[in-house]
């Protein structure tokens, strides 16, 4: 059974930084970060594959960086220059074979 646990969320001022972590119980091929703000659809923020390819949503490009630990059981989302529009619950998602696994989410609030 694959389980993912997010951490690192919290309250930060505009322009500040946070680093989110997602720890997986088992190796995952592709790891994604999603976010969902109130009244909005859940959106893909960033992705990193087992081969190291990355993808970023246009709204976060240049500000967010996704990375993977050497053991590939943990992924990080470094968030810099945060804006109030980044306020959302952030979820990690892992894909392994035919399975898709979601974490419980971590709240990120950007407010002055």
PDB file of N, CA and C in Angstrom:
ATOM      1  N   UNK A   1       0.856  -1.178   0.000  1.00  0.00           N
ATOM      2  CA  UNK A   1       0.000   0.000   0.000  1.00  0.00           C
ATOM      3  C   UNK A   1       0.899   1.236   0.000  1.00  0.00           C
ATOM      4  N   UNK A   2       0.673   2.120  -0.955  1.00  0.00           N
ATOM      5  CA  UNK A   2       1.445   3.338  -1.074  1.00  0.00           C
ATOM      6  C   UNK A   2       0.702   4.466  -0.373  1.00  0.00           C
ATOM      7  N   UNK A   3       1.409   5.168   0.486  1.00  0.00           N
ATOM      8  CA  UNK A   3       0.839   6.314   1.182  1.00  0.00           C
ATOM      9  C   UNK A   3       1.765   7.510   1.022  1.00  0.00           C
ATOM     10  N   UNK A   4       1.165   8.687   0.870  1.00  0.00           N
ATOM     11  CA  UNK A   4       1.906   9.920   0.712  1.00  0.00           C
ATOM     12  C   UNK A   4       1.488  10.895   1.803  1.00  0.00           C
ATOM     13  N   UNK A   5       2.462  11.572   2.382  1.00  0.00           N
ATOM     14  CA  UNK A   5       2.211  12.517   3.455  1.00  0.00           C
ATOM     15  C   UNK A   5       2.903  13.829   3.129  1.00  0.00           C
ATOM     16  N   UNK A   6       2.113  14.906   3.070  1.00  0.00           N
ATOM     17  CA  UNK A   6       2.650  16.234   2.814  1.00  0.00           C
ATOM     18  C   UNK A   6       2.958  16.945   4.128  1.00  0.00           C
ATOM     19  N   UNK A   7       3.907  17.852   4.054  1.00  0.00           N
ATOM     20  CA  UNK A   7       4.228  18.696   5.187  1.00  0.00           C
ATOM     21  C   UNK A   7       4.853  19.985   4.674  1.00  0.00           C
ATOM     22  N   UNK A   8       4.952  20.966   5.545  1.00  0.00           N
ATOM     23  CA  UNK A   8       5.626  22.207   5.214  1.00  0.00           C
ATOM     24  C   UNK A   8       4.728  23.395   4.962  1.00  0.00           C
ATOM     25  N   UNK A   9       3.425  23.181   4.949  1.00  0.00           N
ATOM     26  CA  UNK A   9       2.523  24.293   4.739  1.00  0.00           C
ATOM     27  C   UNK A   9       2.463  25.202   5.946  1.00  0.00           C
ATOM     28  N   UNK A  10       1.834  26.343   5.757  1.00  0.00           N
ATOM     29  CA  UNK A  10       1.702  27.293   6.839  1.00  0.00           C
ATOM     30  C   UNK A  10       1.327  28.658   6.332  1.00  0.00           C
ATOM     31  N   UNK A  11       1.476  29.633   7.203  1.00  0.00           N
ATOM     32  CA  UNK A  11       1.172  31.024   6.892  1.00  0.00           C
ATOM     33  C   UNK A  11       2.455  31.757   6.554  1.00  0.00           C
ATOM     34  N   UNK A  12       2.431  32.477   5.449  1.00  0.00           N
ATOM     35  CA  UNK A  12       3.606  33.215   5.011  1.00  0.00           C
ATOM     36  C   UNK A  12       3.163  34.542   4.408  1.00  0.00           C
ATOM     37  N   UNK A  13       4.002  35.549   4.539  1.00  0.00           N
ATOM     38  CA  UNK A  13       3.697  36.849   3.965  1.00  0.00           C
ATOM     39  C   UNK A  13       3.973  36.871   2.474  1.00  0.00           C
ATOM     40  N   UNK A  14       3.292  37.732   1.740  1.00  0.00           N
ATOM     41  CA  UNK A  14       3.604  37.867   0.316  1.00  0.00           C
ATOM     42  C   UNK A  14       5.082  38.156   0.098  1.00  0.00           C
ATOM     43  N   UNK A  15       5.648  37.490  -0.893  1.00  0.00           N
ATOM     44  CA  UNK A  15       7.065  37.605  -1.162  1.00  0.00           C
ATOM     45  C   UNK A  15       7.922  36.613  -0.419  1.00  0.00           C
ATOM     46  N   UNK A  16       7.335  35.907   0.521  1.00  0.00           N
ATOM     47  CA  UNK A  16       8.065  34.934   1.299  1.00  0.00           C
ATOM     48  C   UNK A  16       8.205  33.608   0.592  1.00  0.00           C
ATOM     49  N   UNK A  17       8.764  32.647   1.320  1.00  0.00           N
ATOM     50  CA  UNK A  17       9.055  31.338   0.759  1.00  0.00           C
ATOM     51  C   UNK A  17       8.604  30.230   1.695  1.00  0.00           C
ATOM     52  N   UNK A  18       8.266  29.111   1.107  1.00  0.00           N
ATOM     53  CA  UNK A  18       7.970  27.886   1.827  1.00  0.00           C
ATOM     54  C   UNK A  18       8.502  26.716   1.022  1.00  0.00           C
ATOM     55  N   UNK A  19       8.827  25.644   1.713  1.00  0.00           N
ATOM     56  CA  UNK A  19       9.186  24.411   1.046  1.00  0.00           C
ATOM     57  C   UNK A  19       8.281  23.303   1.521  1.00  0.00           C
ATOM     58  N   UNK A  20       7.543  22.729   0.592  1.00  0.00           N
ATOM     59  CA  UNK A  20       6.668  21.610   0.883  1.00  0.00           C
ATOM     60  C   UNK A  20       7.411  20.302   0.645  1.00  0.00           C
ATOM     61  N   UNK A  21       7.075  19.309   1.441  1.00  0.00           N
ATOM     62  CA  UNK A  21       7.650  17.989   1.290  1.00  0.00           C
ATOM     63  C   UNK A  21       6.540  16.962   1.134  1.00  0.00           C
ATOM     64  N   UNK A  22       6.818  15.936   0.378  1.00  0.00           N
ATOM     65  CA  UNK A  22       5.902  14.820   0.217  1.00  0.00           C
ATOM     66  C   UNK A  22       6.703  13.542   0.358  1.00  0.00           C
ATOM     67  N   UNK A  23       6.420  12.800   1.397  1.00  0.00           N
ATOM     68  CA  UNK A  23       7.113  11.552   1.666  1.00  0.00           C
ATOM     69  C   UNK A  23       6.228  10.385   1.269  1.00  0.00           C
ATOM     70  N   UNK A  24       6.745   9.511   0.452  1.00  0.00           N
ATOM     71  CA  UNK A  24       6.006   8.355  -0.035  1.00  0.00           C
ATOM     72  C   UNK A  24       6.539   7.080   0.586  1.00  0.00           C
ATOM     73  N   UNK A  25       5.628   6.194   0.941  1.00  0.00           N
ATOM     74  CA  UNK A  25       6.005   4.882   1.456  1.00  0.00           C
ATOM     75  C   UNK A  25       6.172   3.935   0.273  1.00  0.00           C
ATOM     76  N   UNK A  26       7.294   4.035  -0.365  1.00  0.00           N
ATOM     77  CA  UNK A  26       7.559   3.251  -1.555  1.00  0.00           C
ATOM     78  C   UNK A  26       7.960   4.144  -2.709  1.00  0.00           C
ATOM     79  N   UNK A  27       8.637   3.572  -3.644  1.00  0.00           N
ATOM     80  CA  UNK A  27       9.127   4.324  -4.788  1.00  0.00           C
ATOM     81  C   UNK A  27       7.994   4.612  -5.765  1.00  0.00           C
ATOM     82  N   UNK A  28       7.905   5.862  -6.185  1.00  0.00           N
ATOM     83  CA  UNK A  28       6.896   6.324  -7.130  1.00  0.00           C
ATOM     84  C   UNK A  28       7.595   6.825  -8.382  1.00  0.00           C
ATOM     85  N   UNK A  29       7.033   6.498  -9.528  1.00  0.00           N
ATOM     86  CA  UNK A  29       7.672   6.894 -10.774  1.00  0.00           C
ATOM     87  C   UNK A  29       7.509   8.389 -11.049  1.00  0.00           C
ATOM     88  N   UNK A  30       6.277   8.848 -10.987  1.00  0.00           N
ATOM     89  CA  UNK A  30       5.975  10.241 -11.288  1.00  0.00           C
ATOM     90  C   UNK A  30       5.326  10.887 -10.070  1.00  0.00           C
ATOM     91  N   UNK A  31       5.809  12.064  -9.712  1.00  0.00           N
ATOM     92  CA  UNK A  31       5.291  12.782  -8.560  1.00  0.00           C
ATOM     93  C   UNK A  31       4.802  14.156  -8.994  1.00  0.00           C
ATOM     94  N   UNK A  32       3.604  14.489  -8.570  1.00  0.00           N
ATOM     95  CA  UNK A  32       2.974  15.749  -8.923  1.00  0.00           C
ATOM     96  C   UNK A  32       2.621  16.545  -7.680  1.00  0.00           C
ATOM     97  N   UNK A  33       2.573  17.859  -7.843  1.00  0.00           N
ATOM     98  CA  UNK A  33       1.970  18.744  -6.870  1.00  0.00           C
ATOM     99  C   UNK A  33       0.756  19.405  -7.499  1.00  0.00           C
ATOM    100  N   UNK A  34      -0.370  19.303  -6.823  1.00  0.00           N
ATOM    101  CA  UNK A  34      -1.597  19.981  -7.197  1.00  0.00           C
ATOM    102  C   UNK A  34      -1.967  20.973  -6.107  1.00  0.00           C
ATOM    103  N   UNK A  35      -2.862  21.882  -6.454  1.00  0.00           N
ATOM    104  CA  UNK A  35      -3.410  22.763  -5.449  1.00  0.00           C
ATOM    105  C   UNK A  35      -4.866  23.059  -5.769  1.00  0.00           C
ATOM    106  N   UNK A  36      -5.609  23.378  -4.736  1.00  0.00           N
ATOM    107  CA  UNK A  36      -7.012  23.717  -4.898  1.00  0.00           C
ATOM    108  C   UNK A  36      -7.366  24.856  -3.952  1.00  0.00           C
ATOM    109  N   UNK A  37      -7.795  25.948  -4.536  1.00  0.00           N
ATOM    110  CA  UNK A  37      -8.252  27.097  -3.780  1.00  0.00           C
ATOM    111  C   UNK A  37      -9.767  27.049  -3.669  1.00  0.00           C
ATOM    112  N   UNK A  38     -10.339  27.712  -2.663  1.00  0.00           N
ATOM    113  CA  UNK A  38     -11.797  27.704  -2.517  1.00  0.00           C
ATOM    114  C   UNK A  38     -12.499  28.191  -3.775  1.00  0.00           C
ATOM    115  N   UNK A  39     -13.481  27.427  -4.223  1.00  0.00           N
ATOM    116  CA  UNK A  39     -14.255  27.796  -5.389  1.00  0.00           C
ATOM    117  C   UNK A  39     -13.572  27.556  -6.715  1.00  0.00           C
ATOM    118  N   UNK A  40     -12.409  26.955  -6.705  1.00  0.00           N
ATOM    119  CA  UNK A  40     -11.673  26.710  -7.938  1.00  0.00           C
ATOM    120  C   UNK A  40     -11.402  25.223  -8.122  1.00  0.00           C
ATOM    121  N   UNK A  41     -11.150  24.858  -9.369  1.00  0.00           N
ATOM    122  CA  UNK A  41     -10.803  23.480  -9.673  1.00  0.00           C
ATOM    123  C   UNK A  41      -9.394  23.165  -9.196  1.00  0.00           C
ATOM    124  N   UNK A  42      -9.175  21.909  -8.881  1.00  0.00           N
ATOM    125  CA  UNK A  42      -7.834  21.479  -8.541  1.00  0.00           C
ATOM    126  C   UNK A  42      -6.959  21.552  -9.787  1.00  0.00           C
ATOM    127  N   UNK A  43      -5.788  22.137  -9.642  1.00  0.00           N
ATOM    128  CA  UNK A  43      -4.916  22.341 -10.780  1.00  0.00           C
ATOM    129  C   UNK A  43      -3.544  21.740 -10.536  1.00  0.00           C
ATOM    130  N   UNK A  44      -2.944  21.288 -11.610  1.00  0.00           N
ATOM    131  CA  UNK A  44      -1.590  20.766 -11.558  1.00  0.00           C
ATOM    132  C   UNK A  44      -0.613  21.930 -11.474  1.00  0.00           C
ATOM    133  N   UNK A  45       0.252  21.890 -10.478  1.00  0.00           N
ATOM    134  CA  UNK A  45       1.229  22.941 -10.253  1.00  0.00           C
ATOM    135  C   UNK A  45       2.584  22.565 -10.823  1.00  0.00           C
ATOM    136  N   UNK A  46       3.039  21.359 -10.525  1.00  0.00           N
ATOM    137  CA  UNK A  46       4.356  20.927 -10.959  1.00  0.00           C
ATOM    138  C   UNK A  46       4.402  19.413 -11.013  1.00  0.00           C
ATOM    139  N   UNK A  47       5.294  18.905 -11.842  1.00  0.00           N
ATOM    140  CA  UNK A  47       5.453  17.467 -12.003  1.00  0.00           C
ATOM    141  C   UNK A  47       6.914  17.137 -12.208  1.00  0.00           C
ATOM    142  N   UNK A  48       7.333  16.028 -11.646  1.00  0.00           N
ATOM    143  CA  UNK A  48       8.654  15.498 -11.916  1.00  0.00           C
ATOM    144  C   UNK A  48       8.519  13.999 -12.140  1.00  0.00           C
ATOM    145  N   UNK A  49       9.154  13.503 -13.195  1.00  0.00           N
ATOM    146  CA  UNK A  49       9.064  12.099 -13.541  1.00  0.00           C
ATOM    147  C   UNK A  49      10.287  11.351 -13.042  1.00  0.00           C
ATOM    148  N   UNK A  50      10.226  10.038 -13.182  1.00  0.00           N
ATOM    149  CA  UNK A  50      11.349   9.213 -12.787  1.00  0.00           C
ATOM    150  C   UNK A  50      12.594   9.455 -13.604  1.00  0.00           C
ATOM    151  N   UNK A  51      12.454  10.033 -14.776  1.00  0.00           N
ATOM    152  CA  UNK A  51      13.594  10.358 -15.617  1.00  0.00           C
ATOM    153  C   UNK A  51      14.109  11.769 -15.390  1.00  0.00           C
ATOM    154  N   UNK A  52      13.453  12.518 -14.503  1.00  0.00           N
ATOM    155  CA  UNK A  52      13.905  13.852 -14.180  1.00  0.00           C
ATOM    156  C   UNK A  52      13.245  14.975 -14.940  1.00  0.00           C
ATOM    157  N   UNK A  53      12.343  14.661 -15.841  1.00  0.00           N
ATOM    158  CA  UNK A  53      11.627  15.704 -16.564  1.00  0.00           C
ATOM    159  C   UNK A  53      10.699  16.456 -15.624  1.00  0.00           C
ATOM    160  N   UNK A  54      10.577  17.750 -15.839  1.00  0.00           N
ATOM    161  CA  UNK A  54       9.735  18.584 -14.989  1.00  0.00           C
ATOM    162  C   UNK A  54       8.748  19.382 -15.816  1.00  0.00           C
ATOM    163  N   UNK A  55       7.665  19.742 -15.166  1.00  0.00           N
ATOM    164  CA  UNK A  55       6.630  20.580 -15.754  1.00  0.00           C
ATOM    165  C   UNK A  55       6.152  21.555 -14.695  1.00  0.00           C
ATOM    166  N   UNK A  56       5.867  22.785 -15.118  1.00  0.00           N
ATOM    167  CA  UNK A  56       5.336  23.793 -14.223  1.00  0.00           C
ATOM    168  C   UNK A  56       4.153  24.497 -14.864  1.00  0.00           C
ATOM    169  N   UNK A  57       3.155  24.768 -14.065  1.00  0.00           N
ATOM    170  CA  UNK A  57       2.076  25.620 -14.534  1.00  0.00           C
ATOM    171  C   UNK A  57       2.616  27.011 -14.814  1.00  0.00           C
ATOM    172  N   UNK A  58       2.033  27.660 -15.796  1.00  0.00           N
ATOM    173  CA  UNK A  58       2.510  28.976 -16.188  1.00  0.00           C
ATOM    174  C   UNK A  58       2.461  29.967 -15.028  1.00  0.00           C
ATOM    175  N   UNK A  59       1.491  29.824 -14.163  1.00  0.00           N
ATOM    176  CA  UNK A  59       1.317  30.769 -13.071  1.00  0.00           C
ATOM    177  C   UNK A  59       2.414  30.697 -12.021  1.00  0.00           C
ATOM    178  N   UNK A  60       3.155  29.594 -11.985  1.00  0.00           N
ATOM    179  CA  UNK A  60       4.198  29.435 -10.975  1.00  0.00           C
ATOM    180  C   UNK A  60       5.587  29.332 -11.579  1.00  0.00           C
ATOM    181  N   UNK A  61       5.679  29.315 -12.877  1.00  0.00           N
ATOM    182  CA  UNK A  61       6.963  29.159 -13.545  1.00  0.00           C
ATOM    183  C   UNK A  61       7.905  30.297 -13.155  1.00  0.00           C
ATOM    184  N   UNK A  62       9.114  29.925 -12.793  1.00  0.00           N
ATOM    185  CA  UNK A  62      10.100  30.894 -12.360  1.00  0.00           C
ATOM    186  C   UNK A  62      10.082  31.166 -10.876  1.00  0.00           C
ATOM    187  N   UNK A  63       9.037  30.749 -10.185  1.00  0.00           N
ATOM    188  CA  UNK A  63       8.926  30.960  -8.747  1.00  0.00           C
ATOM    189  C   UNK A  63       8.988  29.662  -7.952  1.00  0.00           C
ATOM    190  N   UNK A  64       8.454  28.586  -8.517  1.00  0.00           N
ATOM    191  CA  UNK A  64       8.414  27.295  -7.836  1.00  0.00           C
ATOM    192  C   UNK A  64       9.421  26.348  -8.473  1.00  0.00           C
ATOM    193  N   UNK A  65       9.972  25.462  -7.659  1.00  0.00           N
ATOM    194  CA  UNK A  65      10.894  24.453  -8.143  1.00  0.00           C
ATOM    195  C   UNK A  65      10.546  23.112  -7.516  1.00  0.00           C
ATOM    196  N   UNK A  66      10.357  22.106  -8.341  1.00  0.00           N
ATOM    197  CA  UNK A  66      10.111  20.765  -7.849  1.00  0.00           C
ATOM    198  C   UNK A  66      11.408  19.972  -7.933  1.00  0.00           C
ATOM    199  N   UNK A  67      11.666  19.175  -6.923  1.00  0.00           N
ATOM    200  CA  UNK A  67      12.875  18.369  -6.895  1.00  0.00           C
ATOM    201  C   UNK A  67      12.580  17.052  -6.205  1.00  0.00           C
ATOM    202  N   UNK A  68      13.516  16.139  -6.334  1.00  0.00           N
ATOM    203  CA  UNK A  68      13.331  14.798  -5.814  1.00  0.00           C
ATOM    204  C   UNK A  68      14.579  14.363  -5.071  1.00  0.00           C
ATOM    205  N   UNK A  69      14.371  13.730  -3.933  1.00  0.00           N
ATOM    206  CA  UNK A  69      15.489  13.209  -3.176  1.00  0.00           C
ATOM    207  C   UNK A  69      16.130  12.065  -3.934  1.00  0.00           C
ATOM    208  N   UNK A  70      17.389  11.794  -3.596  1.00  0.00           N
ATOM    209  CA  UNK A  70      18.114  10.740  -4.296  1.00  0.00           C
ATOM    210  C   UNK A  70      17.436   9.388  -4.189  1.00  0.00           C
ATOM    211  N   UNK A  71      16.831   9.119  -3.045  1.00  0.00           N
ATOM    212  CA  UNK A  71      16.137   7.859  -2.865  1.00  0.00           C
ATOM    213  C   UNK A  71      14.793   7.790  -3.561  1.00  0.00           C
ATOM    214  N   UNK A  72      14.319   8.923  -4.069  1.00  0.00           N
ATOM    215  CA  UNK A  72      13.088   9.034  -4.845  1.00  0.00           C
ATOM    216  C   UNK A  72      11.829   8.740  -4.049  1.00  0.00           C
ATOM    217  N   UNK A  73      11.942   8.706  -2.751  1.00  0.00           N
ATOM    218  CA  UNK A  73      10.769   8.528  -1.916  1.00  0.00           C
ATOM    219  C   UNK A  73      10.200   9.842  -1.397  1.00  0.00           C
ATOM    220  N   UNK A  74      10.915  10.925  -1.614  1.00  0.00           N
ATOM    221  CA  UNK A  74      10.491  12.231  -1.149  1.00  0.00           C
ATOM    222  C   UNK A  74      10.660  13.257  -2.259  1.00  0.00           C
ATOM    223  N   UNK A  75       9.644  14.065  -2.451  1.00  0.00           N
ATOM    224  CA  UNK A  75       9.714  15.173  -3.386  1.00  0.00           C
ATOM    225  C   UNK A  75       9.472  16.473  -2.638  1.00  0.00           C
ATOM    226  N   UNK A  76      10.013  17.545  -3.182  1.00  0.00           N
ATOM    227  CA  UNK A  76       9.909  18.851  -2.572  1.00  0.00           C
ATOM    228  C   UNK A  76       9.336  19.847  -3.566  1.00  0.00           C
ATOM    229  N   UNK A  77       8.663  20.826  -3.033  1.00  0.00           N
ATOM    230  CA  UNK A  77       8.218  21.956  -3.829  1.00  0.00           C
ATOM    231  C   UNK A  77       8.694  23.224  -3.131  1.00  0.00           C
ATOM    232  N   UNK A  78       9.745  23.825  -3.683  1.00  0.00           N
ATOM    233  CA  UNK A  78      10.250  25.083  -3.164  1.00  0.00           C
ATOM    234  C   UNK A  78       9.446  26.212  -3.781  1.00  0.00           C
ATOM    235  N   UNK A  79       8.824  27.016  -2.946  1.00  0.00           N
ATOM    236  CA  UNK A  79       7.962  28.094  -3.400  1.00  0.00           C
ATOM    237  C   UNK A  79       8.555  29.419  -2.950  1.00  0.00           C
ATOM    238  N   UNK A  80       8.934  30.230  -3.904  1.00  0.00           N
ATOM    239  CA  UNK A  80       9.506  31.541  -3.639  1.00  0.00           C
ATOM    240  C   UNK A  80       8.594  32.626  -4.196  1.00  0.00           C
ATOM    241  N   UNK A  81       8.815  33.836  -3.733  1.00  0.00           N
ATOM    242  CA  UNK A  81       8.052  34.992  -4.206  1.00  0.00           C
ATOM    243  C   UNK A  81       6.557  34.723  -4.165  1.00  0.00           C
ATOM    244  N   UNK A  82       6.102  34.228  -3.046  1.00  0.00           N
ATOM    245  CA  UNK A  82       4.711  33.812  -2.930  1.00  0.00           C
ATOM    246  C   UNK A  82       3.759  35.001  -3.028  1.00  0.00           C
ATOM    247  N   UNK A  83       2.624  34.752  -3.657  1.00  0.00           N
ATOM    248  CA  UNK A  83       1.569  35.734  -3.830  1.00  0.00           C
ATOM    249  C   UNK A  83       0.306  35.256  -3.130  1.00  0.00           C
ATOM    250  N   UNK A  84      -0.598  36.196  -2.871  1.00  0.00           N
ATOM    251  CA  UNK A  84      -1.838  35.789  -2.226  1.00  0.00           C
ATOM    252  C   UNK A  84      -2.626  34.810  -3.098  1.00  0.00           C
ATOM    253  N   UNK A  85      -2.448  34.882  -4.405  1.00  0.00           N
ATOM    254  CA  UNK A  85      -3.114  33.955  -5.311  1.00  0.00           C
ATOM    255  C   UNK A  85      -2.628  32.518  -5.152  1.00  0.00           C
ATOM    256  N   UNK A  86      -1.510  32.326  -4.469  1.00  0.00           N
ATOM    257  CA  UNK A  86      -0.999  30.982  -4.240  1.00  0.00           C
ATOM    258  C   UNK A  86      -1.676  30.288  -3.064  1.00  0.00           C
ATOM    259  N   UNK A  87      -2.509  30.996  -2.350  1.00  0.00           N
ATOM    260  CA  UNK A  87      -3.208  30.409  -1.214  1.00  0.00           C
ATOM    261  C   UNK A  87      -4.092  29.258  -1.677  1.00  0.00           C
ATOM    262  N   UNK A  88      -3.883  28.089  -1.100  1.00  0.00           N
ATOM    263  CA  UNK A  88      -4.620  26.896  -1.500  1.00  0.00           C
ATOM    264  C   UNK A  88      -4.196  25.741  -0.611  1.00  0.00           C
ATOM    265  N   UNK A  89      -4.919  24.649  -0.730  1.00  0.00           N
ATOM    266  CA  UNK A  89      -4.465  23.390  -0.176  1.00  0.00           C
ATOM    267  C   UNK A  89      -3.635  22.695  -1.243  1.00  0.00           C
ATOM    268  N   UNK A  90      -2.439  22.312  -0.878  1.00  0.00           N
ATOM    269  CA  UNK A  90      -1.531  21.675  -1.803  1.00  0.00           C
ATOM    270  C   UNK A  90      -1.489  20.175  -1.545  1.00  0.00           C
ATOM    271  N   UNK A  91      -1.603  19.414  -2.619  1.00  0.00           N
ATOM    272  CA  UNK A  91      -1.631  17.965  -2.546  1.00  0.00           C
ATOM    273  C   UNK A  91      -0.520  17.381  -3.395  1.00  0.00           C
ATOM    274  N   UNK A  92       0.089  16.325  -2.916  1.00  0.00           N
ATOM    275  CA  UNK A  92       0.994  15.576  -3.764  1.00  0.00           C
ATOM    276  C   UNK A  92       0.275  14.343  -4.284  1.00  0.00           C
ATOM    277  N   UNK A  93       0.679  13.921  -5.453  1.00  0.00           N
ATOM    278  CA  UNK A  93       0.099  12.759  -6.103  1.00  0.00           C
ATOM    279  C   UNK A  93       1.212  11.944  -6.731  1.00  0.00           C
ATOM    280  N   UNK A  94       1.167  10.654  -6.510  1.00  0.00           N
ATOM    281  CA  UNK A  94       2.159   9.763  -7.076  1.00  0.00           C
ATOM    282  C   UNK A  94       1.521   8.728  -7.965  1.00  0.00           C
ATOM    283  N   UNK A  95       2.203   8.406  -9.038  1.00  0.00           N
ATOM    284  CA  UNK A  95       1.732   7.399  -9.987  1.00  0.00           C
ATOM    285  C   UNK A  95       2.754   6.283 -10.052  1.00  0.00           C
ATOM    286  N   UNK A  96       2.284   5.070  -9.858  1.00  0.00           N
ATOM    287  CA  UNK A  96       3.121   3.888  -9.971  1.00  0.00           C
ATOM    288  C   UNK A  96       2.304   2.810 -10.655  1.00  0.00           C
ATOM    289  N   UNK A  97       2.735   2.417 -11.846  1.00  0.00           N
ATOM    290  CA  UNK A  97       1.961   1.469 -12.612  1.00  0.00           C
ATOM    291  C   UNK A  97       0.578   2.009 -12.890  1.00  0.00           C
ATOM    292  N   UNK A  98      -0.432   1.218 -12.549  1.00  0.00           N
ATOM    293  CA  UNK A  98      -1.812   1.627 -12.766  1.00  0.00           C
ATOM    294  C   UNK A  98      -2.392   2.387 -11.588  1.00  0.00           C
ATOM    295  N   UNK A  99      -1.615   2.594 -10.555  1.00  0.00           N
ATOM    296  CA  UNK A  99      -2.115   3.232  -9.357  1.00  0.00           C
ATOM    297  C   UNK A  99      -1.828   4.716  -9.294  1.00  0.00           C
ATOM    298  N   UNK A 100      -2.743   5.445  -8.674  1.00  0.00           N
ATOM    299  CA  UNK A 100      -2.589   6.867  -8.419  1.00  0.00           C
ATOM    300  C   UNK A 100      -2.884   7.108  -6.943  1.00  0.00           C
ATOM    301  N   UNK A 101      -1.970   7.772  -6.257  1.00  0.00           N
ATOM    302  CA  UNK A 101      -2.063   7.905  -4.807  1.00  0.00           C
ATOM    303  C   UNK A 101      -1.973   9.365  -4.402  1.00  0.00           C
ATOM    304  N   UNK A 102      -2.895   9.779  -3.547  1.00  0.00           N
ATOM    305  CA  UNK A 102      -2.995  11.161  -3.090  1.00  0.00           C
ATOM    306  C   UNK A 102      -2.620  11.292  -1.629  1.00  0.00           C
ATOM    307  N   UNK A 103      -1.954  12.389  -1.324  1.00  0.00           N
ATOM    308  CA  UNK A 103      -1.741  12.750   0.059  1.00  0.00           C
ATOM    309  C   UNK A 103      -2.955  13.463   0.617  1.00  0.00           C
ATOM    310  N   UNK A 104      -2.891  13.808   1.891  1.00  0.00           N
ATOM    311  CA  UNK A 104      -4.017  14.439   2.566  1.00  0.00           C
ATOM    312  C   UNK A 104      -4.080  15.941   2.343  1.00  0.00           C
ATOM    313  N   UNK A 105      -3.009  16.530   1.896  1.00  0.00           N
ATOM    314  CA  UNK A 105      -2.981  17.953   1.628  1.00  0.00           C
ATOM    315  C   UNK A 105      -2.386  18.750   2.770  1.00  0.00           C
ATOM    316  N   UNK A 106      -1.805  19.882   2.427  1.00  0.00           N
ATOM    317  CA  UNK A 106      -1.269  20.810   3.408  1.00  0.00           C
ATOM    318  C   UNK A 106      -1.662  22.225   3.009  1.00  0.00           C
ATOM    319  N   UNK A 107      -2.120  22.988   3.976  1.00  0.00           N
ATOM    320  CA  UNK A 107      -2.636  24.330   3.713  1.00  0.00           C
ATOM    321  C   UNK A 107      -1.500  25.331   3.594  1.00  0.00           C
ATOM    322  N   UNK A 108      -1.541  26.108   2.525  1.00  0.00           N
ATOM    323  CA  UNK A 108      -0.628  27.228   2.339  1.00  0.00           C
ATOM    324  C   UNK A 108      -1.460  28.502   2.293  1.00  0.00           C
ATOM    325  N   UNK A 109      -1.167  29.412   3.179  1.00  0.00           N
ATOM    326  CA  UNK A 109      -1.875  30.683   3.226  1.00  0.00           C
ATOM    327  C   UNK A 109      -0.875  31.813   3.083  1.00  0.00           C
ATOM    328  N   UNK A 110      -1.076  32.640   2.075  1.00  0.00           N
ATOM    329  CA  UNK A 110      -0.213  33.786   1.817  1.00  0.00           C
ATOM    330  C   UNK A 110      -1.017  35.035   2.139  1.00  0.00           C
ATOM    331  N   UNK A 111      -0.605  35.740   3.161  1.00  0.00           N
ATOM    332  CA  UNK A 111      -1.369  36.890   3.620  1.00  0.00           C
ATOM    333  C   UNK A 111      -0.459  37.843   4.373  1.00  0.00           C
ATOM    334  N   UNK A 112      -0.705  39.131   4.195  1.00  0.00           N
ATOM    335  CA  UNK A 112       0.052  40.136   4.906  1.00  0.00           C
ATOM    336  C   UNK A 112      -0.529  40.361   6.293  1.00  0.00           C
TER     337      UNK A 112
END
